[in-house]
Amino acid sequence: MIAVSDTSPLIALSKLGYSNYLPSFFEKIYIPHGVASELARKDDNARAATETLINQGIIVVKTTTNYALVRVLNQELGRGEAEAIALSLELKPDVIILDDLEARVFARSFELKVIGTLGVIRALVRKELIKETPEELFEKLQSIDFWISQDLFSQLFL
């Protein structure tokens, strides 16, 4: 599966310790330069995990060429989200990975297939790569300040 990703899902997956599972699910994950810049400024395991995946060829930094669309989207969205949507329209990946609700709405308006951090985690659970019990997974999400209601979590993972 080919994906384009925004910054926050990659940060969350690295904080959870799941970045190393991404090659089992994605053939390639493209990130625009804006996302790469945001990740490079991180002084934690998100930067290191991203660098490792770049070195493995799983994550590829790619420049979007639709600067006009990025400028328009950037009026409502962050730079990484705007560039990720524009890059997705150029590359036509299987999915775009976004967590921000407004960014997801914009992406869907362009008929892009959207998943978020929870969608990736759910796929990794189904592939039996994530071994935590649902209770442990919920606690782990809360420990990194990832907001999810108990009801939504139950719908997705129980």
Protein backbone atom coordinates (compact mmCIF):
# COMPACT_ATOMS: atom_id res chain seq x y z
CA MET A 1 0.00 0.00 0.00
CA ILE A 2 1.24 3.48 -0.87
CA ALA A 3 0.44 6.40 1.44
CA VAL A 4 1.08 10.09 1.92
CA SER A 5 1.27 11.19 5.54
CA ASP A 6 0.98 14.31 7.61
CA THR A 7 3.19 14.89 10.64
CA SER A 8 0.97 14.04 13.62
CA PRO A 9 0.28 10.39 12.71
CA LEU A 10 4.00 9.70 12.32
CA ILE A 11 4.71 11.38 15.66
CA ALA A 12 1.96 9.42 17.44
CA LEU A 13 3.06 6.09 15.93
CA SER A 14 6.65 6.72 16.95
CA LYS A 15 5.66 7.72 20.50
CA LEU A 16 3.69 4.49 20.75
CA GLY A 17 6.67 2.50 19.48
CA TYR A 18 4.86 1.32 16.33
CA SER A 19 6.93 3.03 13.63
CA ASN A 20 8.98 -0.11 13.11
CA TYR A 21 5.78 -1.92 12.02
CA LEU A 22 5.01 0.51 9.19
CA PRO A 23 7.07 -1.41 6.57
CA SER A 24 4.83 -4.42 7.23
CA PHE A 25 1.80 -2.45 6.10
CA PHE A 26 3.07 0.23 3.71
CA GLU A 27 5.27 -0.26 0.69
CA LYS A 28 6.03 3.49 0.66
CA ILE A 29 4.98 6.49 2.68
CA TYR A 30 5.55 9.81 0.95
CA ILE A 31 5.88 12.94 3.02
CA PRO A 32 6.10 16.48 1.68
CA HIS A 33 8.98 18.75 2.66
CA GLY A 34 6.77 20.61 5.14
CA VAL A 35 6.17 17.39 7.06
CA ALA A 36 9.86 16.45 6.86
CA SER A 37 10.76 19.88 8.28
CA GLU A 38 8.30 19.51 11.15
CA LEU A 39 9.68 16.06 11.98
CA ALA A 40 13.28 17.25 11.74
CA ARG A 41 12.58 19.91 14.38
CA LYS A 42 11.40 17.25 16.84
CA ASP A 43 14.02 16.38 19.42
CA ASP A 44 12.64 12.97 20.27
CA ASN A 45 12.10 9.47 18.90
CA ALA A 46 9.79 10.78 16.14
CA ARG A 47 12.73 12.33 14.32
CA ALA A 48 14.90 9.24 14.82
CA ALA A 49 12.13 6.86 13.72
CA THR A 50 11.49 8.95 10.61
CA GLU A 51 15.19 9.08 9.75
CA THR A 52 15.40 5.30 10.10
CA LEU A 53 12.42 4.78 7.79
CA ILE A 54 13.86 7.28 5.28
CA ASN A 55 17.16 5.38 5.30
CA GLN A 56 15.24 2.13 4.72
CA GLY A 57 13.44 3.70 1.76
CA ILE A 58 10.00 3.28 3.36
CA ILE A 59 9.49 7.02 3.86
CA VAL A 60 10.30 9.19 0.85
CA VAL A 61 10.43 12.98 1.04
CA LYS A 62 8.84 14.43 -2.08
CA THR A 63 8.20 17.98 -3.23
CA THR A 64 4.70 18.94 -4.22
CA THR A 65 4.47 21.01 -7.38
CA ASN A 66 0.98 22.46 -6.89
CA TYR A 67 2.06 25.53 -4.95
CA ALA A 68 -1.18 27.38 -5.70
CA LEU A 69 -3.24 24.66 -4.03
CA VAL A 70 -0.87 24.56 -1.05
CA ARG A 71 -1.29 28.33 -0.59
CA VAL A 72 -5.10 28.05 -0.73
CA LEU A 73 -5.24 25.09 1.66
CA ASN A 74 -2.69 26.71 3.97
CA GLN A 75 -5.21 29.47 4.67
CA GLU A 76 -7.31 26.90 6.56
CA LEU A 77 -4.82 24.12 7.37
CA GLY A 78 -1.28 23.76 8.63
CA ARG A 79 1.59 23.63 6.17
CA GLY A 80 2.13 19.88 6.52
CA GLU A 81 -1.54 19.08 6.02
CA ALA A 82 -1.84 21.39 3.02
CA GLU A 83 1.25 19.92 1.38
CA ALA A 84 0.17 16.34 2.17
CA ILE A 85 -3.19 16.88 0.45
CA ALA A 86 -1.57 18.53 -2.58
CA LEU A 87 1.02 15.75 -2.82
CA SER A 88 -1.73 13.12 -2.59
CA LEU A 89 -3.54 14.71 -5.50
CA GLU A 90 -0.32 14.49 -7.52
CA LEU A 91 0.75 10.96 -6.54
CA LYS A 92 -2.70 9.36 -6.16
CA PRO A 93 -1.68 7.05 -3.28
CA ASP A 94 -3.94 4.37 -1.85
CA VAL A 95 -4.49 6.49 1.28
CA ILE A 96 -3.59 9.77 2.93
CA ILE A 97 -2.87 9.57 6.66
CA LEU A 98 -4.37 12.56 8.50
CA ASP A 99 -5.70 13.05 12.02
CA ASP A 100 -6.93 16.65 11.91
CA LEU A 101 -10.68 16.68 11.29
CA GLU A 102 -10.67 19.78 9.06
CA ALA A 103 -7.82 18.35 6.97
CA ARG A 104 -9.73 15.08 6.61
CA VAL A 105 -12.80 16.98 5.37
CA PHE A 106 -10.71 18.82 2.77
CA ALA A 107 -9.01 15.58 1.66
CA ARG A 108 -12.35 13.81 1.27
CA SER A 109 -13.68 16.73 -0.75
CA PHE A 110 -10.95 15.86 -3.26
CA GLU A 111 -12.11 12.23 -3.13
CA LEU A 112 -8.96 11.05 -1.35
CA LYS A 113 -9.21 7.95 0.84
CA VAL A 114 -8.33 9.04 4.37
CA ILE A 115 -7.16 7.05 7.36
CA GLY A 116 -5.77 8.32 10.61
CA THR A 117 -3.44 7.09 13.30
CA LEU A 118 -6.20 4.86 14.68
CA GLY A 119 -6.81 3.35 11.25
CA VAL A 120 -3.14 2.47 10.96
CA ILE A 121 -3.11 1.00 14.47
CA ARG A 122 -6.24 -0.99 13.71
CA ALA A 123 -4.59 -2.44 10.59
CA LEU A 124 -1.49 -3.34 12.60
CA VAL A 125 -3.64 -5.02 15.25
CA ARG A 126 -5.42 -7.03 12.54
CA LYS A 127 -2.03 -8.12 11.17
CA GLU A 128 -1.21 -9.18 14.75
CA LEU A 129 1.84 -6.93 14.86
CA ILE A 130 0.57 -5.05 17.90
CA LYS A 131 0.39 -7.43 20.82
CA GLU A 132 -1.08 -5.21 23.56
CA THR A 133 -4.49 -6.04 24.94
CA PRO A 134 -7.19 -3.48 24.13
CA GLU A 135 -6.93 -2.14 27.68
CA GLU A 136 -3.16 -1.73 27.39
CA LEU A 137 -3.52 -0.06 24.00
CA PHE A 138 -6.09 2.42 25.35
CA GLU A 139 -3.78 3.28 28.27
CA LYS A 140 -0.85 3.66 25.89
CA LEU A 141 -2.83 6.09 23.71
CA GLN A 142 -3.79 8.11 26.78
CA SER A 143 -0.17 8.17 27.99
CA ILE A 144 0.89 10.07 24.85
CA ASP A 145 -2.08 12.46 25.15
CA PHE A 146 -3.80 11.02 22.09
CA TRP A 147 -7.45 11.94 22.52
CA ILE A 148 -9.92 9.14 21.96
CA SER A 149 -13.17 8.49 23.77
CA GLN A 150 -13.75 5.14 25.40
CA ASP A 151 -16.80 4.64 23.15
CA LEU A 152 -14.88 5.23 19.93
CA PHE A 153 -12.02 3.06 21.12
CA SER A 154 -14.47 0.27 21.93
CA GLN A 155 -16.07 0.55 18.49
CA LEU A 156 -12.68 0.24 16.80
CA PHE A 157 -10.84 -2.27 18.95
CA LEU A 158 -13.30 -4.38 20.93
